[in-house]
Protein backbone atom coordinates (compact mmCIF):
# COMPACT_ATOMS: atom_id res chain seq x y z
CA UNK A 1 13.45 6.15 13.69
CA UNK A 2 17.08 4.97 13.71
CA UNK A 3 16.38 2.77 16.75
CA UNK A 4 13.40 1.16 15.03
CA UNK A 5 15.47 0.54 11.90
CA UNK A 6 18.21 -1.10 13.96
CA UNK A 7 15.69 -3.44 15.65
CA UNK A 8 14.27 -4.42 12.27
CA UNK A 9 17.71 -4.96 10.77
CA UNK A 10 18.77 -7.15 13.72
CA UNK A 11 15.59 -9.23 13.49
CA UNK A 12 15.95 -9.75 9.74
CA UNK A 13 19.62 -10.71 10.14
CA UNK A 14 18.68 -13.35 12.74
CA UNK A 15 16.06 -14.86 10.45
CA UNK A 16 18.50 -14.84 7.57
CA UNK A 17 21.16 -16.59 9.66
CA UNK A 18 18.72 -19.27 10.78
CA UNK A 19 17.16 -20.09 7.43
CA UNK A 20 19.49 -18.88 4.67
CA UNK A 21 22.81 -20.14 6.06
CA UNK A 22 25.12 -17.20 5.64
CA UNK A 23 23.21 -14.56 3.74
CA UNK A 24 23.47 -10.98 4.96
CA UNK A 25 20.22 -9.00 5.03
CA UNK A 26 20.03 -5.24 4.86
CA UNK A 27 17.13 -2.90 5.25
CA UNK A 28 17.68 0.52 3.70
CA UNK A 29 15.00 2.98 4.81
CA UNK A 30 14.69 6.68 4.07
CA UNK A 31 11.88 8.95 5.26
CA UNK A 32 13.49 11.93 3.48
CA UNK A 33 13.58 13.90 6.73
CA UNK A 34 17.12 15.10 5.95
CA UNK A 35 17.55 17.55 3.10
CA UNK A 36 20.87 16.24 1.78
CA UNK A 37 19.46 13.26 -0.11
CA UNK A 38 22.61 12.87 -2.24
CA UNK A 39 24.67 12.18 0.90
CA UNK A 40 22.37 9.20 1.55
CA UNK A 41 23.19 7.65 -1.81
CA UNK A 42 20.48 9.12 -4.02
CA UNK A 43 21.06 10.32 -7.55
CA UNK A 44 18.53 11.72 -10.00
CA UNK A 45 18.55 10.63 -13.64
CA UNK A 46 16.40 12.33 -16.24
CA UNK A 47 15.25 9.72 -18.74
CA UNK A 48 13.59 12.36 -20.88
CA UNK A 49 12.68 15.98 -20.30
CA UNK A 50 14.46 19.33 -20.11
CA UNK A 51 17.78 19.07 -18.24
CA UNK A 52 17.91 22.78 -17.39
CA UNK A 53 14.82 22.63 -15.15
CA UNK A 54 14.66 21.93 -11.40
CA UNK A 55 12.79 18.78 -10.39
CA UNK A 56 13.83 17.77 -6.87
CA UNK A 57 12.90 19.80 -3.78
CA UNK A 58 13.82 18.35 -0.35
CA UNK A 59 11.28 19.12 2.37
CA UNK A 60 11.24 18.32 6.12
CA UNK A 61 9.15 15.16 5.74
CA UNK A 62 9.41 14.19 2.07
CA UNK A 63 11.22 14.57 -1.22
CA UNK A 64 9.00 16.67 -3.47
CA UNK A 65 9.24 16.02 -7.21
CA UNK A 66 8.02 18.90 -9.34
CA UNK A 67 7.29 18.28 -13.01
CA UNK A 68 7.25 21.74 -14.64
CA UNK A 69 6.78 20.42 -18.16
CA UNK A 70 5.03 17.59 -19.98
CA UNK A 71 6.69 14.46 -21.39
CA UNK A 72 9.08 14.12 -18.47
CA UNK A 73 10.40 11.10 -16.59
CA UNK A 74 12.87 11.34 -13.74
CA UNK A 75 14.43 8.41 -11.84
CA UNK A 76 15.83 8.35 -8.31
CA UNK A 77 18.28 5.49 -7.68
CA UNK A 78 20.14 4.67 -4.50
CA UNK A 79 23.69 3.34 -4.59
CA UNK A 80 23.19 1.57 -1.24
CA UNK A 81 20.74 -0.88 -2.82
CA UNK A 82 22.91 -2.65 -5.42
CA UNK A 83 21.69 -6.24 -5.10
CA UNK A 84 19.92 -9.14 -6.81
CA UNK A 85 16.78 -10.31 -4.96
CA UNK A 86 15.05 -7.49 -3.14
CA UNK A 87 11.80 -5.94 -1.97
CA UNK A 88 11.26 -2.29 -2.88
CA UNK A 89 8.50 -0.25 -1.24
CA UNK A 90 7.69 3.44 -1.78
CA UNK A 91 4.91 5.67 -0.48
CA UNK A 92 3.89 8.59 -2.69
CA UNK A 93 1.49 11.50 -2.32
CA UNK A 94 -0.13 12.89 -5.45
CA UNK A 95 -0.19 16.56 -4.41
CA UNK A 96 -1.54 17.57 -7.82
CA UNK A 97 -1.30 16.31 -11.38
CA UNK A 98 -3.46 16.03 -14.48
CA UNK A 99 -1.64 12.93 -15.69
CA UNK A 100 0.78 11.60 -13.09
CA UNK A 101 2.52 8.25 -12.92
CA UNK A 102 4.94 6.73 -10.44
CA UNK A 103 7.29 3.81 -10.86
CA UNK A 104 9.05 1.30 -8.61
CA UNK A 105 12.38 0.08 -9.96
CA UNK A 106 14.51 -2.97 -9.22
CA UNK A 107 17.75 -4.31 -10.73
CA UNK A 108 18.56 -1.00 -12.41
CA UNK A 109 21.68 -0.66 -14.52
CA UNK A 110 22.43 1.10 -17.78
CA UNK A 111 21.47 -1.90 -19.93
CA UNK A 112 18.03 -2.25 -18.37
CA UNK A 113 15.80 -2.73 -15.33
CA UNK A 114 12.33 -3.82 -14.18
CA UNK A 115 9.63 -1.31 -13.34
CA UNK A 116 6.14 -1.24 -11.90
CA UNK A 117 4.30 1.82 -13.25
CA UNK A 118 1.07 3.06 -11.65
CA UNK A 119 -1.17 5.87 -12.91
CA UNK A 120 -2.47 8.23 -10.21
CA UNK A 121 -4.41 10.68 -12.36
CA UNK A 122 -5.55 11.22 -15.91
CA UNK A 123 -7.02 8.94 -18.55
CA UNK A 124 -5.66 5.68 -17.12
CA UNK A 125 -5.94 6.55 -13.41
CA UNK A 126 -6.22 3.48 -11.21
CA UNK A 127 -4.20 1.21 -13.48
CA UNK A 128 -0.73 -0.31 -13.37
CA UNK A 129 1.65 -2.08 -15.72
CA UNK A 130 5.02 -3.83 -15.51
CA UNK A 131 7.91 -3.25 -17.89
CA UNK A 132 11.41 -4.37 -18.70
CA UNK A 133 13.57 -1.52 -19.93
CA UNK A 134 15.85 -2.72 -22.73
CA UNK A 135 18.73 -0.35 -23.46
CA UNK A 136 19.57 -2.11 -26.70
CA UNK A 137 16.17 -1.14 -28.11
CA UNK A 138 16.72 2.51 -27.25
CA UNK A 139 20.06 2.38 -29.06
CA UNK A 140 18.07 1.35 -32.15
CA UNK A 141 15.60 4.24 -31.65
CA UNK A 142 12.86 1.80 -30.65
CA UNK A 143 10.57 1.87 -27.62
CA UNK A 144 12.79 0.46 -24.84
CA UNK A 145 9.90 -0.45 -22.50
CA UNK A 146 8.89 -4.06 -23.07
CA UNK A 147 5.67 -5.18 -21.39
CA UNK A 148 5.90 -8.10 -18.97
CA UNK A 149 2.28 -8.93 -19.87
CA UNK A 150 2.03 -8.56 -23.67
CA UNK A 151 -1.48 -10.01 -23.78
CA UNK A 152 -2.86 -7.02 -21.87
CA UNK A 153 -1.78 -3.38 -21.94
CA UNK A 154 -2.50 -2.57 -18.29
CA UNK A 155 -4.48 -3.69 -15.27
CA UNK A 156 -7.07 -1.69 -13.35
CA UNK A 157 -7.47 -2.07 -9.60
CA UNK A 158 -9.57 -0.48 -6.88
CA UNK A 159 -6.51 -0.63 -4.62
CA UNK A 160 -4.99 2.56 -6.09
CA UNK A 161 -6.17 5.78 -4.42
CA UNK A 162 -6.66 8.28 -7.24
CA UNK A 163 -6.99 12.05 -7.05
CA UNK A 164 -5.24 14.97 -5.38
CA UNK A 165 -3.52 14.65 -2.01
CA UNK A 166 -4.01 10.88 -1.98
CA UNK A 167 -1.22 8.61 -0.74
CA UNK A 168 -0.35 5.16 -2.10
CA UNK A 169 2.22 2.57 -1.07
CA UNK A 170 3.57 0.37 -3.84
CA UNK A 171 5.75 -2.68 -3.23
CA UNK A 172 7.59 -4.80 -5.77
CA UNK A 173 9.24 -8.08 -4.79
CA UNK A 174 11.96 -9.07 -7.28
CA UNK A 175 12.98 -12.59 -6.34
CA UNK A 176 14.72 -15.01 -8.66
CA UNK A 177 12.99 -14.89 -12.03
CA UNK A 178 9.62 -13.65 -10.75
CA UNK A 179 8.07 -10.35 -9.66
CA UNK A 180 5.23 -9.89 -7.17
CA UNK A 181 3.26 -6.67 -6.82
CA UNK A 182 1.50 -5.17 -3.77
CA UNK A 183 -0.58 -1.99 -3.80
CA UNK A 184 -1.54 -0.52 -0.43
CA UNK A 185 -0.91 -3.89 1.18
CA UNK A 186 -2.90 -5.96 -1.31
CA UNK A 187 -1.14 -8.37 -3.65
CA UNK A 188 -2.02 -8.03 -7.32
CA UNK A 189 -2.36 -11.47 -8.85
CA UNK A 190 -1.22 -11.94 -12.46
CA UNK A 191 -4.18 -12.83 -14.72
CA UNK A 192 -4.84 -16.23 -16.22
CA UNK A 193 -2.62 -17.96 -13.62
CA UNK A 194 0.46 -16.56 -15.28
CA UNK A 195 3.58 -15.03 -13.71
CA UNK A 196 5.38 -11.72 -14.05
CA UNK A 197 8.78 -12.96 -15.23
CA UNK A 198 12.14 -11.28 -14.61
CA UNK A 199 14.66 -13.48 -16.39
CA UNK A 200 16.91 -10.99 -18.21
CA UNK A 201 18.51 -8.92 -15.45
CA UNK A 202 19.94 -10.48 -12.30
CA UNK A 203 21.02 -7.49 -10.19
CA UNK A 204 21.26 -3.72 -9.99
CA UNK A 205 20.05 -0.68 -8.05
CA UNK A 206 16.62 -0.04 -6.57
CA UNK A 207 14.70 3.20 -6.76
CA UNK A 208 11.61 4.92 -8.15
CA UNK A 209 10.42 7.22 -10.91
CA UNK A 210 7.87 9.97 -11.56
CA UNK A 211 6.27 10.65 -14.96
CA UNK A 212 4.08 13.15 -16.78
CA UNK A 213 2.89 12.87 -20.38
CA UNK A 214 1.62 15.08 -23.20
CA UNK A 215 -0.26 17.37 -22.96
CA UNK A 216 -0.57 17.33 -19.18
CA UNK A 217 2.47 18.73 -17.44
CA UNK A 218 2.72 20.71 -14.22
CA UNK A 219 2.60 18.04 -11.55
CA UNK A 220 3.86 17.62 -8.00
CA UNK A 221 4.22 14.10 -6.67
CA UNK A 222 6.06 13.62 -3.39
CA UNK A 223 8.02 10.61 -2.17
CA UNK A 224 7.10 10.13 1.51
CA UNK A 225 9.36 7.19 2.30
CA UNK A 226 11.40 4.46 0.63
CA UNK A 227 12.41 1.00 1.81
CA UNK A 228 14.64 -1.60 0.18
CA UNK A 229 15.03 -4.99 1.84
CA UNK A 230 17.55 -7.28 0.26
CA UNK A 231 19.75 -10.33 0.93
CA UNK A 232 23.31 -10.75 -0.28
CA UNK A 233 25.20 -14.03 -0.18
CA UNK A 234 28.50 -13.90 1.68
């Protein structure tokens, strides 16, 4: 695995040198095969839920996220991915859940971030939505998640594999002021020839999230692998 990553990193660096004139590309990949995830730059942040519960269980081939209660959202961010433009890709397995959601995060910092949220089970299974988290709204006790498509609540797609033990790979490309979405290799086109805009936040960490909602707790959703490809100007 390390040899393959080195080949990919070298190839990307050559392309970057040829066409971007001095940018430095990095490919951070984690298949969660090592139990000490914190040593690889990961930190868990509970957005809401009970802080005295255990959520993260390292396994030989994945990071298992257990949601022992409803109305819970936990974020995993990696300090090695602090950048501006980036591509974030995560593969999840929905081991079991009655209402389970996963998120892909780019440009995370305390003031806000961008997030793709996909529903794997429950009432809205097979749908996704994009949000901008606005920390100033939370400080005012308002909903901090601002839709990037206010004309429509969410989008349904046949590209999401719903149900137990199903795997899905979600990719979010955060480049300049625009976001592109891929689900299991298929790009999701914004409706009505519009764009998913990302104008407020310019840089930050990459990562992912797992959610459960009332009244459906007791979920296990595993992160199988994570990749962050990004370019930094010298």
